[in-house]
């Protein structure tokens, strides 16, 4: 997301991004168990300002090749931007 100015600007204008690590050594179970079980990482959980889940998104649907698709990412961010 950081490599595309449009996507980064849309994200930074309306979202606070928090990266949560998952690894066999550190599964972050206490945090990640609050939301629906997912099939893999990376993954996006969008929360509202109260911490309630808005959407759980598999990032594979937003990718093109080895990166994110600009138009899909912008559509995703705009769709879930708080009113």
N, C-alpha and C. Protein backbone atom coordinates (compact mmCIF):
# COMPACT_ATOMS: atom_id res chain seq x y z
N UNK A 1 0.82 -1.20 0.00
CA UNK A 1 0.00 0.00 0.00
C UNK A 1 0.86 1.26 0.00
N UNK A 2 2.00 1.19 0.63
CA UNK A 2 2.83 2.39 0.73
C UNK A 2 3.46 2.80 -0.59
N UNK A 3 3.53 1.87 -1.55
CA UNK A 3 4.19 2.19 -2.81
C UNK A 3 3.28 2.94 -3.79
N UNK A 4 2.00 3.06 -3.46
CA UNK A 4 1.08 3.77 -4.34
C UNK A 4 0.53 5.00 -3.60
N UNK A 5 0.82 6.18 -4.15
CA UNK A 5 0.43 7.43 -3.48
C UNK A 5 -1.07 7.54 -3.26
N UNK A 6 -1.88 7.14 -4.24
CA UNK A 6 -3.34 7.24 -4.12
C UNK A 6 -3.88 6.34 -3.01
N UNK A 7 -3.38 5.12 -2.96
CA UNK A 7 -3.83 4.16 -1.95
C UNK A 7 -3.38 4.60 -0.57
N UNK A 8 -2.14 5.01 -0.46
CA UNK A 8 -1.61 5.47 0.82
C UNK A 8 -2.39 6.69 1.33
N UNK A 9 -2.70 7.62 0.45
CA UNK A 9 -3.45 8.82 0.85
C UNK A 9 -4.86 8.46 1.31
N UNK A 10 -5.53 7.55 0.59
CA UNK A 10 -6.88 7.13 0.97
C UNK A 10 -6.85 6.41 2.32
N UNK A 11 -5.87 5.58 2.51
CA UNK A 11 -5.74 4.87 3.79
C UNK A 11 -5.46 5.84 4.93
N UNK A 12 -4.50 6.72 4.75
CA UNK A 12 -4.09 7.62 5.82
C UNK A 12 -5.16 8.67 6.15
N UNK A 13 -6.03 8.98 5.21
CA UNK A 13 -7.06 9.98 5.44
C UNK A 13 -8.17 9.49 6.36
N UNK A 14 -8.39 8.18 6.41
CA UNK A 14 -9.55 7.69 7.16
C UNK A 14 -9.27 6.51 8.08
N UNK A 15 -8.06 5.99 8.06
CA UNK A 15 -7.77 4.76 8.80
C UNK A 15 -6.53 4.92 9.68
N UNK A 16 -6.49 4.14 10.74
CA UNK A 16 -5.29 3.95 11.53
C UNK A 16 -4.89 2.50 11.29
N UNK A 17 -3.73 2.30 10.73
CA UNK A 17 -3.31 0.95 10.39
C UNK A 17 -2.43 0.40 11.51
N UNK A 18 -2.77 -0.80 11.95
CA UNK A 18 -2.00 -1.50 12.97
C UNK A 18 -1.61 -2.85 12.40
N UNK A 19 -0.34 -3.10 12.34
CA UNK A 19 0.15 -4.39 11.84
C UNK A 19 0.27 -5.34 13.01
N UNK A 20 -0.37 -6.49 12.89
CA UNK A 20 -0.32 -7.52 13.92
C UNK A 20 0.43 -8.72 13.34
N UNK A 21 1.48 -9.10 14.01
CA UNK A 21 2.29 -10.22 13.55
C UNK A 21 1.62 -11.54 13.92
N UNK A 22 1.69 -12.51 13.01
CA UNK A 22 1.33 -13.89 13.29
C UNK A 22 2.48 -14.74 12.82
N UNK A 23 2.93 -15.61 13.68
CA UNK A 23 3.97 -16.58 13.33
C UNK A 23 3.75 -17.80 14.21
N UNK A 24 4.36 -18.93 13.87
CA UNK A 24 4.22 -20.11 14.72
C UNK A 24 4.68 -19.85 16.16
N UNK A 25 5.65 -18.96 16.32
CA UNK A 25 6.15 -18.63 17.66
C UNK A 25 5.27 -17.61 18.39
N UNK A 26 4.55 -16.80 17.66
CA UNK A 26 3.71 -15.76 18.26
C UNK A 26 2.41 -15.65 17.46
N UNK A 27 1.42 -16.39 17.87
CA UNK A 27 0.16 -16.44 17.13
C UNK A 27 -0.81 -15.32 17.50
N UNK A 28 -0.47 -14.51 18.50
CA UNK A 28 -1.34 -13.41 18.93
C UNK A 28 -2.78 -13.87 19.13
N UNK A 29 -2.94 -15.01 19.72
CA UNK A 29 -4.25 -15.64 19.90
C UNK A 29 -5.22 -14.76 20.67
N UNK A 30 -4.77 -14.12 21.74
CA UNK A 30 -5.67 -13.29 22.55
C UNK A 30 -6.31 -12.19 21.72
N UNK A 31 -5.55 -11.57 20.84
CA UNK A 31 -6.09 -10.50 20.00
C UNK A 31 -6.89 -11.06 18.83
N UNK A 32 -6.31 -11.96 18.07
CA UNK A 32 -6.93 -12.43 16.84
C UNK A 32 -8.18 -13.29 17.08
N UNK A 33 -8.31 -13.87 18.26
CA UNK A 33 -9.49 -14.70 18.53
C UNK A 33 -10.76 -13.87 18.70
N UNK A 34 -10.64 -12.56 18.74
CA UNK A 34 -11.81 -11.68 18.85
C UNK A 34 -12.61 -11.60 17.55
N UNK A 35 -11.98 -11.98 16.45
CA UNK A 35 -12.60 -11.83 15.14
C UNK A 35 -12.75 -13.18 14.46
N UNK A 36 -13.45 -13.22 13.34
CA UNK A 36 -13.68 -14.51 12.66
C UNK A 36 -12.37 -15.21 12.33
N UNK A 37 -12.41 -16.54 12.39
CA UNK A 37 -11.25 -17.33 12.00
C UNK A 37 -10.99 -17.12 10.51
N UNK A 38 -9.73 -17.03 10.16
CA UNK A 38 -9.37 -16.78 8.76
C UNK A 38 -8.49 -17.92 8.26
N UNK A 39 -8.35 -18.00 6.94
CA UNK A 39 -7.60 -19.11 6.36
C UNK A 39 -6.12 -18.80 6.16
N UNK A 40 -5.72 -17.54 6.24
CA UNK A 40 -4.32 -17.22 6.03
C UNK A 40 -4.03 -15.74 6.20
N UNK A 41 -2.76 -15.43 6.10
CA UNK A 41 -2.28 -14.06 6.26
C UNK A 41 -1.48 -13.68 5.02
N UNK A 42 -1.41 -12.42 4.63
CA UNK A 42 -1.97 -11.25 5.31
C UNK A 42 -3.49 -11.20 5.19
N UNK A 43 -4.09 -10.42 6.07
CA UNK A 43 -5.54 -10.30 6.14
C UNK A 43 -5.85 -8.94 6.72
N UNK A 44 -6.96 -8.35 6.28
CA UNK A 44 -7.40 -7.06 6.83
C UNK A 44 -8.62 -7.25 7.70
N UNK A 45 -8.58 -6.68 8.89
CA UNK A 45 -9.75 -6.53 9.74
C UNK A 45 -9.98 -5.03 9.84
N UNK A 46 -11.13 -4.56 9.43
CA UNK A 46 -11.46 -3.15 9.56
C UNK A 46 -12.40 -3.02 10.74
N UNK A 47 -12.01 -2.17 11.69
CA UNK A 47 -12.80 -1.94 12.89
C UNK A 47 -13.31 -0.51 12.89
N UNK A 48 -14.46 -0.28 13.53
CA UNK A 48 -14.93 1.09 13.68
C UNK A 48 -14.24 1.73 14.89
N UNK A 49 -14.58 2.97 15.18
CA UNK A 49 -13.90 3.69 16.25
C UNK A 49 -14.18 3.09 17.63
N UNK A 50 -15.19 2.24 17.73
CA UNK A 50 -15.50 1.56 18.99
C UNK A 50 -14.84 0.19 19.08
N UNK A 51 -14.13 -0.21 18.03
CA UNK A 51 -13.46 -1.50 18.02
C UNK A 51 -14.32 -2.64 17.50
N UNK A 52 -15.50 -2.32 16.97
CA UNK A 52 -16.36 -3.36 16.41
C UNK A 52 -15.93 -3.68 14.98
N UNK A 53 -16.00 -4.95 14.63
CA UNK A 53 -15.61 -5.40 13.30
C UNK A 53 -16.56 -4.86 12.24
N UNK A 54 -16.00 -4.23 11.23
CA UNK A 54 -16.76 -3.75 10.08
C UNK A 54 -16.68 -4.77 8.95
N UNK A 55 -15.46 -5.24 8.68
CA UNK A 55 -15.25 -6.22 7.62
C UNK A 55 -13.97 -7.00 7.88
N UNK A 56 -14.01 -8.27 7.50
CA UNK A 56 -12.86 -9.16 7.53
C UNK A 56 -12.55 -9.49 6.08
N UNK A 57 -11.37 -9.11 5.60
CA UNK A 57 -11.07 -9.19 4.17
C UNK A 57 -9.82 -10.00 3.88
N UNK A 58 -9.96 -11.06 3.11
CA UNK A 58 -8.82 -11.81 2.58
C UNK A 58 -8.11 -10.91 1.58
N UNK A 59 -6.83 -10.69 1.77
CA UNK A 59 -6.12 -9.77 0.88
C UNK A 59 -5.90 -10.32 -0.52
N UNK A 60 -6.01 -11.64 -0.68
CA UNK A 60 -5.83 -12.23 -2.00
C UNK A 60 -6.79 -11.66 -3.03
N UNK A 61 -7.97 -11.27 -2.59
CA UNK A 61 -8.96 -10.70 -3.49
C UNK A 61 -8.60 -9.28 -3.92
N UNK A 62 -7.62 -8.68 -3.26
CA UNK A 62 -7.22 -7.30 -3.56
C UNK A 62 -5.87 -7.24 -4.27
N UNK A 63 -5.33 -8.39 -4.61
CA UNK A 63 -4.00 -8.45 -5.19
C UNK A 63 -4.02 -8.59 -6.70
N UNK A 64 -2.90 -8.20 -7.29
CA UNK A 64 -2.65 -8.39 -8.71
C UNK A 64 -1.18 -8.78 -8.81
N UNK A 65 -0.92 -10.02 -9.11
CA UNK A 65 0.47 -10.48 -9.12
C UNK A 65 1.01 -10.56 -7.71
N UNK A 66 2.14 -9.95 -7.47
CA UNK A 66 2.78 -9.98 -6.16
C UNK A 66 2.52 -8.72 -5.34
N UNK A 67 1.57 -7.91 -5.77
CA UNK A 67 1.28 -6.66 -5.08
C UNK A 67 -0.23 -6.46 -5.01
N UNK A 68 -0.63 -5.37 -4.40
CA UNK A 68 -2.05 -5.03 -4.36
C UNK A 68 -2.44 -4.32 -5.64
N UNK A 69 -3.66 -4.55 -6.09
CA UNK A 69 -4.21 -3.88 -7.25
C UNK A 69 -4.70 -2.50 -6.80
N UNK A 70 -4.20 -1.46 -7.42
CA UNK A 70 -4.52 -0.09 -7.04
C UNK A 70 -6.02 0.15 -7.00
N UNK A 71 -6.72 -0.19 -8.07
CA UNK A 71 -8.16 0.09 -8.16
C UNK A 71 -8.97 -0.71 -7.15
N UNK A 72 -8.60 -1.97 -6.94
CA UNK A 72 -9.30 -2.79 -5.95
C UNK A 72 -9.08 -2.26 -4.54
N UNK A 73 -7.85 -1.84 -4.26
CA UNK A 73 -7.56 -1.29 -2.93
C UNK A 73 -8.31 0.00 -2.69
N UNK A 74 -8.34 0.87 -3.68
CA UNK A 74 -9.07 2.13 -3.52
C UNK A 74 -10.55 1.87 -3.32
N UNK A 75 -11.11 0.95 -4.08
CA UNK A 75 -12.53 0.61 -3.93
C UNK A 75 -12.81 0.05 -2.54
N UNK A 76 -11.94 -0.83 -2.05
CA UNK A 76 -12.09 -1.40 -0.71
C UNK A 76 -12.03 -0.32 0.35
N UNK A 77 -11.04 0.55 0.29
CA UNK A 77 -10.90 1.61 1.29
C UNK A 77 -12.09 2.56 1.26
N UNK A 78 -12.51 2.95 0.08
CA UNK A 78 -13.65 3.88 -0.03
C UNK A 78 -14.94 3.24 0.46
N UNK A 79 -15.13 1.97 0.16
CA UNK A 79 -16.35 1.27 0.59
C UNK A 79 -16.48 1.23 2.10
N UNK A 80 -15.38 1.11 2.80
CA UNK A 80 -15.40 0.94 4.24
C UNK A 80 -14.98 2.19 5.03
N UNK A 81 -14.80 3.31 4.33
CA UNK A 81 -14.45 4.55 5.00
C UNK A 81 -15.63 4.99 5.87
N UNK A 82 -15.36 5.35 7.13
CA UNK A 82 -16.46 5.80 7.99
C UNK A 82 -17.17 7.01 7.40
N UNK A 83 -18.46 7.05 7.63
CA UNK A 83 -19.27 8.18 7.11
C UNK A 83 -19.02 9.43 7.91
